Amino acid sequence: MTDMDGDVKALFERMIEESIKYAQQLTSYIQKADGIKGNTYKIWEGPKAPGGATDKKSIVKTCASDELALVNTYSMALSSITYDKELENLLQLQRQNIIELYNHIRQFYNAQ
């Protein structure tokens, strides 16, 4: 992927920045909550499978699939929250931002 276009590189940079920010926010929250990690967070922080795509369109499609899976993970987490408004608000905000990124990736994919 040495000749990857700048637009895909910018997409990856945005995904990385948001991922780091969300991980820091969630880690901070979990540390405040006596270090207890829920099952959804354990799945989210687990190892990710490397992609095998080599062309631009396949790479973007994989990114879209990953973002959609992340949206679904957030939805699952939100459905299990019953008493923690702070966590619910954090997850809703992050989920909405992920949906916006997913929509951007889909538009980018469709334009290819």
Protein backbone atom coordinates (compact mmCIF):
# COMPACT_ATOMS: atom_id res chain seq x y z
CA MET A 1 0.00 0.00 0.00
CA THR A 2 2.84 2.40 -0.71
CA ASP A 3 0.90 4.27 -3.38
CA MET A 4 -2.22 4.78 -1.27
CA ASP A 5 -4.03 7.98 -2.17
CA GLY A 6 -4.09 10.87 0.27
CA ASP A 7 -7.84 10.59 0.72
CA VAL A 8 -7.59 7.04 2.06
CA LYS A 9 -4.66 8.05 4.25
CA ALA A 10 -6.74 10.92 5.66
CA LEU A 11 -9.59 8.47 6.32
CA PHE A 12 -7.24 6.17 8.23
CA GLU A 13 -5.82 9.09 10.21
CA ARG A 14 -9.33 10.17 11.24
CA MET A 15 -10.23 6.62 12.26
CA ILE A 16 -7.04 6.33 14.30
CA GLU A 17 -7.55 9.69 16.03
CA GLU A 18 -11.14 8.86 16.94
CA SER A 19 -10.23 5.38 18.10
CA ILE A 20 -7.51 6.71 20.40
CA LYS A 21 -9.85 9.38 21.78
CA TYR A 22 -12.65 6.88 22.44
CA ALA A 23 -10.27 4.39 24.03
CA GLN A 24 -8.93 7.09 26.35
CA GLN A 25 -12.44 8.19 27.31
CA LEU A 26 -13.60 4.64 27.97
CA THR A 27 -10.43 3.73 29.85
CA SER A 28 -10.81 6.82 32.01
CA TYR A 29 -14.42 5.95 32.76
CA ILE A 30 -13.62 2.33 33.56
CA GLN A 31 -10.80 3.33 35.89
CA LYS A 32 -13.25 5.61 37.69
CA ALA A 33 -15.65 2.69 37.99
CA ASP A 34 -13.22 0.69 40.13
CA GLY A 35 -11.50 -0.89 37.15
CA ILE A 36 -14.38 -3.22 36.31
CA LYS A 37 -14.53 -4.05 32.60
CA GLY A 38 -17.74 -5.15 30.99
CA ASN A 39 -17.99 -7.82 28.33
CA THR A 40 -18.65 -5.33 25.53
CA TYR A 41 -15.51 -3.39 26.38
CA LYS A 42 -13.47 -6.60 26.51
CA ILE A 43 -14.67 -7.49 23.00
CA TRP A 44 -14.01 -3.99 21.74
CA GLU A 45 -10.46 -3.81 23.09
CA GLY A 46 -9.58 -7.33 21.92
CA PRO A 47 -7.29 -8.15 19.02
CA LYS A 48 -8.42 -7.14 15.58
CA ALA A 49 -8.03 -9.40 12.55
CA PRO A 50 -5.66 -8.04 9.92
CA GLY A 51 -7.25 -7.16 6.62
CA GLY A 52 -6.27 -8.91 3.42
CA ALA A 53 -7.54 -6.23 1.05
CA THR A 54 -4.99 -4.60 -1.19
CA ASP A 55 -6.96 -2.34 -3.54
CA LYS A 56 -8.41 0.99 -2.47
CA LYS A 57 -12.08 0.05 -2.82
CA SER A 58 -11.67 -3.20 -0.84
CA ILE A 59 -9.79 -1.39 1.92
CA VAL A 60 -12.54 1.22 2.22
CA LYS A 61 -15.20 -1.53 2.20
CA THR A 62 -13.38 -3.28 5.07
CA CYS A 63 -13.26 0.01 6.98
CA ALA A 64 -17.01 0.46 6.49
CA SER A 65 -17.71 -3.08 7.70
CA ASP A 66 -15.54 -2.53 10.78
CA GLU A 67 -17.28 0.75 11.61
CA LEU A 68 -20.71 -0.86 11.22
CA ALA A 69 -19.65 -3.68 13.58
CA LEU A 70 -18.50 -1.04 16.04
CA VAL A 71 -21.86 0.77 15.80
CA ASN A 72 -23.57 -2.54 16.57
CA THR A 73 -21.27 -3.12 19.55
CA TYR A 74 -22.15 0.31 20.91
CA SER A 75 -25.85 -0.40 20.39
CA MET A 76 -25.48 -3.63 22.33
CA ALA A 77 -23.69 -1.85 25.15
CA LEU A 78 -26.30 0.91 25.27
CA SER A 79 -29.12 -1.61 25.47
CA SER A 80 -27.63 -3.10 28.61
CA ILE A 81 -27.15 0.15 30.54
CA THR A 82 -29.85 0.65 33.13
CA TYR A 83 -28.49 3.01 35.75
CA ASP A 84 -25.38 4.86 34.58
CA LYS A 85 -26.32 8.09 32.80
CA GLU A 86 -22.70 9.26 32.50
CA LEU A 87 -21.69 6.09 30.67
CA GLU A 88 -24.85 6.13 28.57
CA ASN A 89 -24.17 9.71 27.45
CA LEU A 90 -20.54 8.91 26.62
CA LEU A 91 -21.49 5.85 24.58
CA GLN A 92 -24.30 7.66 22.77
CA LEU A 93 -21.95 10.49 21.78
CA GLN A 94 -19.26 8.09 20.59
CA ARG A 95 -21.81 5.95 18.74
CA GLN A 96 -23.19 8.99 16.92
CA ASN A 97 -19.69 10.05 15.88
CA ILE A 98 -18.97 6.52 14.64
CA ILE A 99 -22.21 6.55 12.61
CA GLU A 100 -21.13 9.83 11.01
CA LEU A 101 -17.73 8.34 10.15
CA TYR A 102 -19.41 5.20 8.79
CA ASN A 103 -21.64 7.34 6.54
CA HIS A 104 -18.58 9.25 5.34
CA ILE A 105 -16.80 5.99 4.53
CA ARG A 106 -19.86 4.69 2.66
CA GLN A 107 -20.03 7.88 0.58
CA PHE A 108 -16.34 7.58 -0.15
CA TYR A 109 -16.78 3.92 -1.12
CA ASN A 110 -19.73 4.68 -3.41
CA ALA A 111 -17.70 7.40 -5.14
CA GLN A 112 -14.98 4.92 -6.10
